[in-house]
Structure formats: structure tokens, C-alpha cells
Amino acid sequence: GRSTSSHFLPWHSERGFVPQAQTGDWDLEEWASELDRLLKEVEAASEQGSPSSALSAARRLWEQCCVEDSSKKWRLGKGHALRLHLARLGMDLAVASQRWEEALAWARAVCQVEALVYPSPWPVVACSQGRLAKLELYANNFKAAAAASTSALRDFAALGIDNSLCQELRQIAAQAAAERRCQAQAMAEEEKKEEHAKKESKEEKKKKEEEEKKKKEEEEKKKKE
């Protein structure tokens, strides 16, 4: 499918798709109207205090306009304003629904889009990386949690910011590093056990073969006698 950029199909968080943007492509304008309708469905469900229903609608909208699918004629560009808005909305709804794995997927999408939209360093990007670090840690993705927290702290330092969030991120980075060391140690011990078991198995097999050989030799000796 063809990607639409923010310049080609402008969208505003309050006004939706800008009416003055006449594309000359009826299919595209009809598609944009459908996206606008789906987004209103997401926002209405959210306002009614039904995060699960809103999240379900957000998934449908994401599939309609952001998923790579050659069968679809149009999709939003990777830095499109609506893509970022929807990713943020999906993340908040997933958190409200306590769907942590899905919240993590949305948080990754937020950071991917923001990296294309904002300069570096930028406070918004650093905050999003901080949220991502928390979700990665919660999912036991310690390497990813360390990377996200380090990225956020680097940006905050470049911006001259050192607040309570930075302190929390330093704790996340330290915890992720400690968990990674424990994981590495556990893996090393497991590998050592497996190696020991293989060695014992090999020795046991050798012992069994020697016993069978000795038994055959004794049988042959008895036959000769």
C-alpha cells in the first residue's frame, strides 16, 4: 500500500483531517473519513469509561491505517501525526485495562514514531523512553529496560534535567543490570549442569559398554572350556 505523509494528508488532534486538504483522490478522502469515524469511536468509548472497548476499537483503527499490508491501498506514514496520537492513546488504554504486554507494544510504537518526529534530545522523547523502560522491566526484558532507561537518562542529562523521574530511571537501570547478571549466572550454572549430565551419561555409557564386553568375553571363555 501507499504511505501518506503528514504533509500529504494533514491531521490535527482537535480538528481531525484538515478539510482544506483536497487530495484529488476520492479513495483516499473516503479512507480518511473512515479513519476519522473509527477514531471518534475510540474516543467515545474512552470517554464513557470503557477502556477495554476503546482499546479494541484502537486495535481496529491501527490495523486499518498502520499495519504493513500489501492488500491495502493506503496506510499512514511512519511519522504521521495520527499514527503517533493513536499509539499514545492505545498505550494509555492498555495501561488502564492492565494489559501490560499490549501496553508495551504500544509504548514501543510511540517511541518509534517520536524518534522520527522530534529532534534529539527532546523532553517528550525522554519521557516516553522512561515509560518504555518501566514496561520493559515489568515484562522481564532486562536488556531492553536498560537500553530505554539509559537512552532517557542521556537525553535528560543533555537537557540539564535531573528530577524524580531520573532517579527512578537510575534505579530501573541498576535493577535491570542486576537482573541481567543473575540471568547470566543462572544460564552459566544451567549450562554447567547440562555439561556435567552429558559427561556422566557418556561415562555411564562407556562403563556399560565395558561391562557388556567383559560379559561377552567371559561367555566366550566358558564356551571354549
Protein backbone atom coordinates (compact mmCIF):
# COMPACT_ATOMS: atom_id res chain seq x y z
CA GLY A 1 0.00 0.00 0.00
CA ARG A 2 0.98 3.63 -0.45
CA SER A 3 2.06 5.66 2.57
CA THR A 4 0.51 9.06 3.29
CA SER A 5 2.74 11.66 4.94
CA SER A 6 1.59 14.34 7.38
CA HIS A 7 2.07 16.94 4.64
CA PHE A 8 0.06 14.99 2.08
CA LEU A 9 -2.82 14.20 4.44
CA PRO A 10 -2.71 16.73 7.32
CA TRP A 11 -4.38 15.77 10.60
CA HIS A 12 -4.99 17.81 13.75
CA SER A 13 -5.74 16.33 17.19
CA GLU A 14 -8.76 18.64 17.64
CA ARG A 15 -9.94 19.18 14.06
CA GLY A 16 -9.16 15.77 12.59
CA PHE A 17 -8.13 15.66 8.94
CA VAL A 18 -7.85 19.22 7.67
CA PRO A 19 -10.81 19.88 5.32
CA GLN A 20 -8.79 22.22 3.11
CA ALA A 21 -6.50 19.32 2.14
CA GLN A 22 -8.08 18.28 -1.15
CA THR A 23 -6.09 15.35 -2.44
CA GLY A 24 -7.92 14.82 -5.70
CA ASP A 25 -8.14 11.13 -4.85
CA TRP A 26 -11.67 10.09 -3.87
CA ASP A 27 -10.50 6.74 -2.47
CA LEU A 28 -8.01 8.49 -0.20
CA GLU A 29 -10.54 11.01 1.06
CA GLU A 30 -13.08 8.25 1.71
CA TRP A 31 -10.40 6.27 3.57
CA ALA A 32 -9.55 9.34 5.67
CA SER A 33 -13.24 9.75 6.57
CA GLU A 34 -13.36 6.14 7.72
CA LEU A 35 -10.28 6.66 9.90
CA ASP A 36 -11.89 9.74 11.41
CA ARG A 37 -15.04 7.73 12.19
CA LEU A 38 -13.04 4.93 13.83
CA LEU A 39 -11.04 7.41 15.90
CA LYS A 40 -14.25 9.01 17.19
CA GLU A 41 -15.40 5.52 18.16
CA VAL A 42 -12.20 5.03 20.18
CA GLU A 43 -12.51 8.41 21.89
CA ALA A 44 -16.23 7.95 22.66
CA ALA A 45 -15.63 4.56 24.31
CA SER A 46 -12.78 6.07 26.30
CA GLU A 47 -14.91 9.00 27.49
CA GLN A 48 -17.64 6.56 28.55
CA GLY A 49 -15.17 4.91 30.92
CA SER A 50 -14.80 1.70 28.94
CA PRO A 51 -11.05 1.32 28.30
CA SER A 52 -11.39 -2.29 27.09
CA SER A 53 -13.92 -1.31 24.40
CA ALA A 54 -11.85 1.72 23.46
CA LEU A 55 -8.73 -0.44 23.25
CA SER A 56 -10.49 -2.90 20.96
CA ALA A 57 -11.53 -0.02 18.69
CA ALA A 58 -7.97 1.35 18.78
CA ARG A 59 -6.65 -2.01 17.59
CA ARG A 60 -9.08 -1.98 14.66
CA LEU A 61 -8.04 1.52 13.72
CA TRP A 62 -4.33 0.64 13.93
CA GLU A 63 -4.86 -2.38 11.68
CA GLN A 64 -6.78 -0.19 9.25
CA CYS A 65 -4.18 2.53 8.86
CA CYS A 66 -0.78 1.48 10.26
CA VAL A 67 -0.16 -2.23 9.67
CA GLU A 68 2.04 -3.15 6.71
CA ASP A 69 -0.34 -4.92 4.32
CA SER A 70 0.16 -5.11 0.57
CA SER A 71 -3.58 -5.72 0.08
CA LYS A 72 -4.44 -2.25 1.42
CA LYS A 73 -4.15 0.74 -0.88
CA TRP A 74 -3.29 3.29 1.82
CA ARG A 75 -1.56 3.45 5.18
CA LEU A 76 -0.31 6.32 7.33
CA GLY A 77 3.33 7.32 7.00
CA LYS A 78 5.60 6.20 9.84
CA GLY A 79 5.85 9.75 11.19
CA HIS A 80 2.21 10.74 10.66
CA ALA A 81 0.55 12.74 13.45
CA LEU A 82 -2.43 10.39 13.66
CA ARG A 83 -0.16 7.35 13.98
CA LEU A 84 1.55 8.96 16.99
CA HIS A 85 -1.76 10.06 18.52
CA LEU A 86 -3.20 6.57 18.16
CA ALA A 87 -0.09 4.88 19.59
CA ARG A 88 -0.20 7.12 22.66
CA LEU A 89 -3.92 6.55 23.06
CA GLY A 90 -3.51 2.79 22.72
CA MET A 91 -0.74 2.75 25.32
CA ASP A 92 -2.84 4.70 27.85
CA LEU A 93 -5.87 2.46 27.24
CA ALA A 94 -3.81 -0.72 27.60
CA VAL A 95 -2.38 0.54 30.90
CA ALA A 96 -5.88 1.44 32.11
CA SER A 97 -7.01 -2.09 31.14
CA GLN A 98 -3.93 -3.59 32.84
CA ARG A 99 -2.93 -5.30 29.60
CA TRP A 100 0.78 -4.88 30.21
CA GLU A 101 2.14 -6.82 27.23
CA GLU A 102 -0.05 -4.81 24.89
CA ALA A 103 0.87 -1.58 26.67
CA LEU A 104 4.50 -2.48 26.00
CA ALA A 105 3.80 -2.95 22.27
CA TRP A 106 2.06 0.42 22.08
CA ALA A 107 4.89 2.10 24.05
CA ARG A 108 7.43 0.75 21.56
CA ALA A 109 5.30 2.16 18.72
CA VAL A 110 5.19 5.56 20.45
CA CYS A 111 8.98 5.69 20.73
CA GLN A 112 9.45 4.60 17.12
CA VAL A 113 7.24 7.40 15.81
CA GLU A 114 8.64 10.05 18.15
CA ALA A 115 12.16 9.23 17.01
CA LEU A 116 11.09 10.31 13.51
CA VAL A 117 9.18 13.41 14.60
CA TYR A 118 11.18 15.15 17.34
CA PRO A 119 14.79 16.39 17.42
CA SER A 120 17.25 14.81 19.80
CA PRO A 121 17.44 15.38 22.70
CA TRP A 122 13.81 16.27 23.46
CA PRO A 123 11.86 16.03 26.76
CA VAL A 124 8.85 14.26 25.24
CA VAL A 125 11.05 11.56 23.74
CA ALA A 126 12.95 11.10 27.01
CA CYS A 127 9.70 10.73 28.98
CA SER A 128 8.40 8.14 26.51
CA GLN A 129 11.66 6.21 26.78
CA GLY A 130 11.22 6.32 30.55
CA ARG A 131 7.72 4.82 30.32
CA LEU A 132 9.05 2.20 27.93
CA ALA A 133 11.83 1.30 30.39
CA LYS A 134 9.25 0.67 33.15
CA LEU A 135 7.15 -1.59 30.93
CA GLU A 136 10.18 -3.49 29.63
CA LEU A 137 11.32 -4.11 33.20
CA TYR A 138 7.82 -5.26 34.21
CA ALA A 139 7.92 -7.74 31.30
CA ASN A 140 11.36 -9.01 32.46
CA ASN A 141 13.01 -7.69 29.29
CA PHE A 142 16.03 -6.53 31.23
CA LYS A 143 18.31 -5.72 28.31
CA ALA A 144 15.61 -3.58 26.66
CA ALA A 145 14.78 -1.92 30.00
CA ALA A 146 18.44 -1.00 30.50
CA ALA A 147 18.66 0.40 26.96
CA ALA A 148 15.48 2.51 27.29
CA SER A 149 16.39 3.88 30.72
CA THR A 150 19.93 4.71 29.57
CA SER A 151 18.57 6.50 26.49
CA ALA A 152 16.14 8.54 28.60
CA LEU A 153 18.82 9.46 31.16
CA ARG A 154 21.21 10.51 28.40
CA ASP A 155 18.61 12.84 26.90
CA PHE A 156 17.63 14.29 30.28
CA ALA A 157 21.29 14.94 31.10
CA ALA A 158 21.80 16.71 27.76
CA LEU A 159 18.75 18.87 28.53
CA GLY A 160 20.03 19.70 32.03
CA ILE A 161 17.15 17.88 33.72
CA ASP A 162 17.58 15.82 36.89
CA ASN A 163 14.30 15.12 38.68
CA SER A 164 12.46 12.31 40.48
CA LEU A 165 11.88 10.52 37.16
CA CYS A 166 15.63 10.48 36.55
CA GLN A 167 16.17 8.96 39.98
CA GLU A 168 13.58 6.28 39.18
CA LEU A 169 15.26 5.60 35.84
CA ARG A 170 18.63 5.16 37.53
CA GLN A 171 17.01 2.59 39.82
CA ILE A 172 15.50 0.82 36.80
CA ALA A 173 18.86 0.76 35.05
CA ALA A 174 20.56 -0.63 38.17
CA GLN A 175 17.85 -3.25 38.71
CA ALA A 176 17.94 -4.29 35.04
CA ALA A 177 21.73 -4.65 35.19
CA ALA A 178 21.50 -6.75 38.36
CA GLU A 179 18.80 -8.97 36.86
CA ARG A 180 20.87 -9.46 33.72
CA ARG A 181 23.84 -10.56 35.84
CA CYS A 182 21.61 -13.02 37.68
CA GLN A 183 20.26 -14.32 34.38
CA ALA A 184 23.79 -14.77 33.03
CA GLN A 185 24.85 -16.57 36.19
CA ALA A 186 21.79 -18.84 36.10
CA MET A 187 22.42 -19.64 32.44
CA ALA A 188 26.07 -20.42 33.16
CA GLU A 189 25.08 -22.74 36.01
CA GLU A 190 22.46 -24.45 33.82
CA GLU A 191 25.00 -24.96 31.07
CA LYS A 192 27.43 -26.37 33.62
CA LYS A 193 24.76 -28.81 34.85
CA GLU A 194 23.97 -29.88 31.30
CA GLU A 195 27.64 -30.41 30.56
CA HIS A 196 28.04 -32.43 33.76
CA ALA A 197 24.98 -34.53 32.88
CA LYS A 198 26.37 -35.18 29.40
CA LYS A 199 29.72 -36.21 30.89
CA GLU A 200 28.03 -38.56 33.37
CA SER A 201 25.91 -40.02 30.61
CA LYS A 202 28.98 -40.57 28.47
CA GLU A 203 30.86 -42.21 31.35
CA GLU A 204 27.86 -44.38 32.18
CA LYS A 205 27.58 -45.47 28.56
CA LYS A 206 31.28 -46.28 28.46
CA LYS A 207 31.02 -48.28 31.69
CA LYS A 208 28.05 -50.20 30.34
CA GLU A 209 29.87 -50.99 27.11
CA GLU A 210 32.89 -52.25 29.07
CA GLU A 211 30.67 -54.47 31.24
CA GLU A 212 28.95 -55.93 28.18
CA LYS A 213 32.32 -56.53 26.56
CA LYS A 214 33.60 -58.27 29.68
CA LYS A 215 30.45 -60.38 29.86
CA LYS A 216 30.86 -61.50 26.25
CA GLU A 217 34.49 -62.36 26.85
CA GLU A 218 33.53 -64.49 29.85
CA GLU A 219 30.84 -66.25 27.82
CA GLU A 220 33.33 -66.96 25.04
CA LYS A 221 35.80 -68.31 27.58
CA LYS A 222 33.17 -70.67 29.06
CA LYS A 223 32.31 -71.99 25.59
CA LYS A 224 35.94 -72.83 24.93
CA GLU A 225 36.22 -74.66 28.24
